[in-house]
Protein backbone atom coordinates (compact mmCIF):
# COMPACT_ATOMS: atom_id res chain seq x y z
CA MET A 1 -21.87 -14.99 -25.56
CA ASP A 2 -24.04 -11.96 -24.15
CA LEU A 3 -22.87 -12.74 -20.02
CA ASN A 4 -26.28 -10.86 -19.52
CA LEU A 5 -28.27 -13.87 -20.70
CA LEU A 6 -26.21 -15.88 -17.75
CA VAL A 7 -27.41 -13.64 -15.22
CA VAL A 8 -31.25 -13.98 -17.06
CA PHE A 9 -30.66 -17.79 -17.07
CA ALA A 10 -29.75 -17.83 -13.24
CA ALA A 11 -32.52 -15.53 -12.09
CA MET A 12 -35.38 -18.08 -14.46
CA VAL A 13 -33.62 -20.79 -12.32
CA GLU A 14 -34.58 -19.07 -9.00
CA GLN A 15 -37.43 -17.78 -9.61
CA ARG A 16 -39.57 -20.27 -11.86
CA SER A 17 -41.26 -17.26 -13.92
CA VAL A 18 -40.66 -14.57 -16.23
CA THR A 19 -42.61 -11.76 -14.52
CA ARG A 20 -40.84 -12.25 -10.83
CA ALA A 21 -37.47 -12.76 -12.80
CA ALA A 22 -38.20 -9.46 -14.99
CA ASP A 23 -39.02 -7.55 -11.31
CA THR A 24 -35.49 -8.97 -10.15
CA LEU A 25 -33.37 -7.78 -12.46
CA GLY A 26 -35.49 -5.07 -13.15
CA LEU A 27 -36.35 -5.91 -16.49
CA SER A 28 -39.18 -5.63 -18.32
CA GLN A 29 -41.43 -8.73 -19.15
CA PRO A 30 -40.90 -8.54 -22.69
CA ALA A 31 -37.32 -7.45 -22.16
CA MET A 32 -37.18 -10.76 -20.15
CA SER A 33 -39.42 -13.39 -22.89
CA ALA A 34 -36.90 -11.55 -25.44
CA ALA A 35 -33.81 -13.06 -23.47
CA VAL A 36 -35.11 -16.47 -22.65
CA ALA A 37 -36.01 -17.38 -26.47
CA ARG A 38 -32.37 -16.12 -26.97
CA LEU A 39 -31.47 -18.49 -24.33
CA ARG A 40 -33.40 -21.22 -26.04
CA LYS A 41 -32.16 -20.86 -29.11
CA LEU A 42 -28.47 -20.60 -27.84
CA PHE A 43 -29.00 -23.70 -26.32
CA ASP A 44 -31.40 -25.49 -28.57
CA ASP A 45 -33.31 -26.19 -25.86
CA PRO A 46 -36.62 -24.98 -24.64
CA LEU A 47 -34.82 -24.57 -21.13
CA PHE A 48 -37.68 -23.61 -18.96
CA VAL A 49 -41.66 -24.56 -19.83
CA ARG A 50 -44.85 -23.89 -18.42
CA SER A 51 -46.31 -26.46 -15.51
CA GLY A 52 -49.13 -24.83 -13.88
CA TRP A 53 -48.30 -21.40 -12.51
CA GLU A 54 -44.55 -21.90 -12.46
CA MET A 55 -41.85 -22.53 -15.52
CA GLN A 56 -40.29 -25.70 -14.65
CA PRO A 57 -37.09 -26.19 -15.58
CA THR A 58 -35.60 -29.01 -18.82
CA PRO A 59 -33.39 -31.79 -17.91
CA ARG A 60 -30.56 -29.35 -19.85
CA ALA A 61 -31.33 -26.25 -17.76
CA LEU A 62 -30.55 -28.75 -14.74
CA GLU A 63 -27.87 -29.21 -15.83
CA LEU A 64 -27.07 -25.96 -17.19
CA ALA A 65 -27.59 -24.45 -13.58
CA GLY A 66 -24.65 -25.76 -11.08
CA PRO A 67 -21.97 -23.92 -13.44
CA VAL A 68 -24.38 -21.21 -14.57
CA GLY A 69 -24.91 -20.18 -11.37
CA GLN A 70 -21.18 -20.26 -10.22
CA VAL A 71 -19.91 -18.12 -12.87
CA VAL A 72 -22.86 -15.62 -12.06
CA GLU A 73 -21.40 -15.94 -8.85
CA THR A 74 -17.96 -15.59 -9.74
CA ILE A 75 -18.99 -12.41 -11.54
CA ARG A 76 -20.83 -11.10 -8.88
CA THR A 77 -18.44 -11.03 -6.28
CA ASP A 78 -15.11 -11.39 -8.22
CA ILE A 79 -15.41 -9.08 -11.11
CA LEU A 80 -18.30 -6.36 -10.16
CA GLN A 81 -17.71 -6.09 -6.14
CA ARG A 82 -16.03 -3.46 -5.69
CA LEU A 83 -12.15 -3.85 -4.05
CA SER A 84 -11.22 -2.70 -0.54
CA PHE A 85 -8.22 -1.80 0.99
CA GLU A 86 -7.74 -2.99 4.98
CA ALA A 87 -4.49 -0.87 5.58
CA ALA A 88 -4.52 -1.99 9.46
CA THR A 89 -3.77 -5.78 8.24
CA ALA A 90 -2.84 -5.52 3.97
CA LYS A 91 0.84 -6.42 3.40
CA ARG A 92 2.25 -4.63 0.10
CA ARG A 93 4.79 -2.69 -1.15
CA PHE A 94 4.69 0.65 -2.69
CA THR A 95 7.51 2.30 -4.76
CA LEU A 96 7.59 5.97 -4.23
CA VAL A 97 9.96 8.10 -6.81
CA MET A 98 11.66 10.78 -4.72
CA PRO A 99 14.75 13.21 -4.40
CA ASP A 100 17.47 12.46 -1.81
CA ILE A 101 16.16 15.62 0.27
CA GLY A 102 12.51 13.88 0.55
CA GLU A 103 13.93 10.92 1.57
CA VAL A 104 15.81 12.68 4.50
CA ASN A 105 12.94 15.39 5.27
CA PHE A 106 9.79 13.79 4.06
CA LEU A 107 10.18 9.81 4.23
CA PRO A 108 10.72 9.66 8.71
CA ARG A 109 7.35 11.24 8.72
CA ILE A 110 5.17 9.12 6.42
CA LEU A 111 7.18 5.73 8.01
CA SER A 112 6.32 7.20 11.39
CA HIS A 113 2.76 7.32 10.30
CA LEU A 114 2.43 3.80 8.11
CA ALA A 115 4.11 2.35 11.62
CA VAL A 116 0.83 3.17 13.39
CA HIS A 117 -1.80 2.68 10.49
CA ALA A 118 -0.46 0.53 8.00
CA PRO A 119 2.41 -1.55 9.46
CA HIS A 120 2.68 -4.60 7.20
CA ILE A 121 2.98 -1.50 4.27
CA ASP A 122 6.64 -1.77 2.95
CA LEU A 123 7.93 0.93 0.94
CA ARG A 124 10.63 1.62 -1.49
CA THR A 125 12.31 4.44 -3.19
CA LEU A 126 13.32 5.78 -6.50
CA ALA A 127 16.04 8.85 -7.10
CA MET A 128 16.03 8.96 -11.09
CA PRO A 129 16.34 12.61 -13.17
CA ARG A 130 13.03 14.69 -13.59
CA HIS A 131 12.41 13.35 -17.07
CA ALA A 132 12.10 9.81 -16.50
CA ALA A 133 10.02 10.14 -13.89
CA ALA A 134 7.04 9.82 -15.96
CA SER A 135 7.97 6.16 -17.59
CA VAL A 136 8.48 5.12 -14.48
CA LEU A 137 4.80 6.05 -12.99
CA GLU A 138 3.26 4.70 -16.45
CA SER A 139 5.12 1.42 -16.41
CA GLY A 140 3.60 0.31 -13.13
CA ALA A 141 7.26 0.26 -11.45
CA ALA A 142 6.34 3.52 -9.46
CA GLU A 143 3.06 4.21 -8.02
CA LEU A 144 4.00 7.84 -6.78
CA ALA A 145 6.13 10.45 -7.28
CA LEU A 146 6.69 13.31 -4.54
CA GLY A 147 8.69 16.47 -4.81
CA TYR A 148 9.27 18.53 -7.42
CA PHE A 149 8.42 17.36 -11.06
CA PRO A 150 6.75 20.03 -13.75
CA ASP A 151 7.31 17.24 -16.17
CA LEU A 152 5.01 15.65 -14.86
CA ARG A 153 2.43 18.58 -14.98
CA LYS A 154 0.51 16.86 -18.35
CA PRO A 155 -2.29 14.87 -19.34
CA GLY A 156 -2.28 11.59 -17.89
CA PHE A 157 -0.99 12.65 -14.40
CA TYR A 158 -2.45 13.56 -11.36
CA GLN A 159 -1.11 16.21 -8.81
CA GLN A 160 -2.02 17.05 -5.24
CA LYS A 161 -0.06 20.03 -3.81
CA LEU A 162 1.57 19.20 -0.14
CA ILE A 163 3.49 22.08 0.84
CA ASP A 164 4.31 25.49 -0.77
CA ASN A 165 8.03 25.88 -0.86
CA LYS A 166 10.35 28.86 -1.79
CA HIS A 167 14.28 29.57 -1.66
CA VAL A 168 16.21 30.49 1.22
CA CYS A 169 20.16 31.01 2.29
CA ILE A 170 21.78 28.83 5.09
CA VAL A 171 24.82 29.45 7.06
CA ARG A 172 26.60 28.41 10.07
CA SER A 173 24.98 29.50 13.59
CA ALA A 174 27.95 32.06 14.37
CA HIS A 175 28.33 33.86 10.50
CA PRO A 176 29.38 37.00 10.17
CA ILE A 177 26.26 38.08 8.80
CA ALA A 178 23.73 39.06 11.04
CA GLY A 179 19.97 39.16 10.85
CA PRO A 180 17.44 37.30 9.55
CA ARG A 181 17.61 38.28 6.09
CA ILE A 182 20.77 38.75 3.69
CA THR A 183 21.42 41.75 1.33
CA GLN A 184 22.08 41.23 -2.38
CA ALA A 185 25.13 42.85 -2.16
CA GLN A 186 26.09 40.14 0.86
CA PHE A 187 24.78 37.21 -1.21
CA LEU A 188 26.75 38.72 -4.37
CA ALA A 189 30.07 39.02 -2.52
CA ALA A 190 30.12 36.02 -0.35
CA SER A 191 31.70 32.52 -1.56
CA HIS A 192 28.64 30.04 -1.92
CA ALA A 193 28.14 25.97 -1.65
CA VAL A 194 26.10 24.77 -4.90
CA VAL A 195 24.12 21.51 -5.15
CA LYS A 196 23.47 20.51 -8.44
CA PRO A 197 22.35 16.74 -8.46
CA ASP A 198 22.53 15.05 -11.71
CA GLY A 199 19.92 14.74 -13.93
CA ARG A 200 17.71 17.48 -12.27
CA GLU A 201 16.74 20.81 -12.99
CA HIS A 202 18.23 23.56 -11.07
CA VAL A 203 15.75 26.07 -10.71
CA PHE A 204 18.11 28.86 -8.39
CA GLU A 205 20.93 28.30 -10.86
CA GLN A 206 18.78 28.67 -14.29
CA PHE A 207 17.02 32.02 -12.53
CA LEU A 208 20.46 34.01 -11.42
CA GLN A 209 22.13 32.89 -15.41
CA GLU A 210 18.54 34.55 -16.55
CA LYS A 211 19.03 37.81 -14.20
CA GLY A 212 22.52 37.94 -15.11
CA LEU A 213 23.72 37.59 -11.40
CA GLN A 214 27.12 36.09 -10.88
CA ARG A 215 29.08 34.86 -7.32
CA ARG A 216 31.33 33.15 -6.64
CA VAL A 217 30.77 29.03 -6.49
CA VAL A 218 33.85 27.91 -4.11
CA VAL A 219 32.68 23.98 -4.28
CA GLU A 220 29.85 21.85 -6.26
CA LEU A 221 28.41 19.15 -4.77
CA SER A 222 25.87 16.80 -6.65
CA HIS A 223 24.06 15.53 -3.48
CA PHE A 224 22.45 17.97 -0.93
CA MET A 225 23.37 15.35 2.20
CA SER A 226 26.91 16.87 1.49
CA LEU A 227 25.59 20.44 2.37
CA LEU A 228 25.48 20.33 6.17
CA PRO A 229 28.53 19.83 7.10
CA ILE A 230 30.44 21.92 4.57
CA VAL A 231 28.02 24.92 5.51
CA GLU A 232 28.89 24.58 9.84
CA SER A 233 32.31 24.27 9.38
CA SER A 234 32.65 26.91 6.95
CA ASP A 235 32.07 30.98 6.07
CA LEU A 236 30.34 29.50 2.70
CA VAL A 237 26.36 30.63 1.92
CA ALA A 238 24.04 27.73 0.43
CA THR A 239 20.95 28.46 -1.12
CA VAL A 240 18.61 25.60 -1.03
CA PRO A 241 14.20 24.45 -0.83
CA GLN A 242 13.16 26.21 3.07
CA ASP A 243 12.10 22.61 3.43
CA LEU A 244 15.37 21.24 3.62
CA ALA A 245 16.65 24.24 5.21
CA GLU A 246 13.98 23.47 8.41
CA PHE A 247 15.59 20.18 8.71
CA PHE A 248 19.15 20.92 8.77
CA VAL A 249 18.41 24.18 11.20
CA THR A 250 16.69 21.26 13.42
CA HIS A 251 19.62 19.08 13.29
CA GLY A 252 22.78 21.13 12.40
CA GLN A 253 24.67 23.84 13.65
CA VAL A 254 23.67 26.13 10.83
CA ARG A 255 20.39 29.45 10.66
CA MET A 256 18.21 30.50 7.93
CA LEU A 257 18.15 33.83 5.73
CA ARG A 258 15.56 35.04 3.30
CA THR A 259 17.18 35.31 0.34
CA PRO A 260 17.21 39.02 -1.10
CA ILE A 261 15.65 37.81 -4.41
CA ARG A 262 12.72 36.17 -5.39
CA PRO A 263 13.61 33.01 -7.59
CA PRO A 264 10.26 30.42 -9.00
CA LYS A 265 8.62 28.89 -6.44
CA ILE A 266 9.44 24.56 -6.25
CA ASP A 267 6.41 23.68 -4.31
CA VAL A 268 6.15 20.33 -3.26
CA PHE A 269 3.44 17.74 -4.71
CA LEU A 270 2.23 13.98 -5.14
CA PHE A 271 1.84 12.89 -9.08
CA TRP A 272 0.48 9.56 -9.91
CA HIS A 273 -0.60 7.92 -13.28
CA GLN A 274 -4.26 7.81 -14.36
CA ARG A 275 -4.24 3.93 -13.85
CA PHE A 276 -3.90 4.37 -10.12
CA GLN A 277 -6.74 6.86 -9.81
CA LYS A 278 -9.44 4.41 -9.05
CA ASP A 279 -6.99 1.55 -6.69
CA PRO A 280 -8.43 1.52 -3.47
CA ALA A 281 -4.64 1.03 -1.91
CA HIS A 282 -3.64 3.65 -3.56
CA VAL A 283 -6.04 6.43 -3.00
CA TRP A 284 -5.41 4.90 0.89
CA LEU A 285 -1.86 5.90 0.47
CA ARG A 286 -2.43 9.46 -1.31
CA SER A 287 -4.99 10.01 1.79
CA ALA A 288 -2.49 8.84 4.35
CA ILE A 289 0.58 11.26 2.86
CA HIS A 290 -1.03 14.18 1.88
CA GLY A 291 -2.83 13.69 6.43
CA VAL A 292 0.70 13.73 7.17
CA PHE A 293 1.73 16.85 5.55
CA THR A 294 -1.20 18.64 6.40
CA LYS A 295 -0.45 17.70 10.10
CA THR A 296 3.15 18.69 9.84
CA ALA A 297 1.97 22.25 8.23
CA LYS A 298 -0.62 22.84 11.36
CA SER A 299 1.84 22.26 13.74
CA VAL A 300 4.98 24.70 11.69
CA ASN A 301 1.89 27.28 12.04
CA SER A 302 1.58 26.89 14.96
CA VAL A 303 4.96 27.16 16.68
CA LYS A 304 5.62 30.46 14.21
CA SER A 305 2.04 31.85 15.73
CA LEU A 306 3.69 30.82 19.52
CA THR A 307 6.78 32.50 18.20
CA SER A 308 5.48 35.51 17.30
CA ALA A 309 3.31 35.93 20.10
């Protein structure tokens, strides 16, 4: 059955006139008459017969009026009506793919925003190899990926840039290297702590290998969060993403140094599958996360401006 015929039927029951029903639905009178003829054939009944100035429903039409009206109303309210999302009252759980760096540095800010604007929203995070992120977003097992995921820059996925990011060096506050920058000679002569998370791309290490640059690696770690106490208590140098370095400087006894070389950027993006592009709840969460990062960036720039002045 063509469901449009049910809409025509409901309009005829309400208006009792082919002309008025056509005007209500935005149809021409010939198109309306043709639809009524199809209805009569479908139900094998005249359905509407002329009586004076109106088209009166037959007993069969009166029997159908209630059920058809319910179907049409359901289509209008439950199917065609655009869904909305009220963050203040919504109860929902979102799953985000992000590395441990994101859990430490990004998640607290996001949770603070949700506590104020969406107190009943819960979050769950997943850490996995970069190549596995696409499958969980495609399946719906996770709604968003937040971080450096070059494998997701492909058809079927959307992306939104959150922050510019680059590599910097961190050393303990009283490290013998002075000044805001480490020279290439100092960098290559120093002993290093390196983090190589399982299943994730090691951009900086690959860059050094391509350039033929070698330095002594005293310790190799699997998790970035193990790095801070090691750097604080030694003369080791570590090269990490700038956003993580800023977190370490805030919460530890370390300082940040500009690197003597410029490896590829590792900007932080928000990624999602096209299946969630129009979902109201998803749209709200993406906007909220982007707003958190925009607000943070403005605060950081303000601090830098005051410091420079």
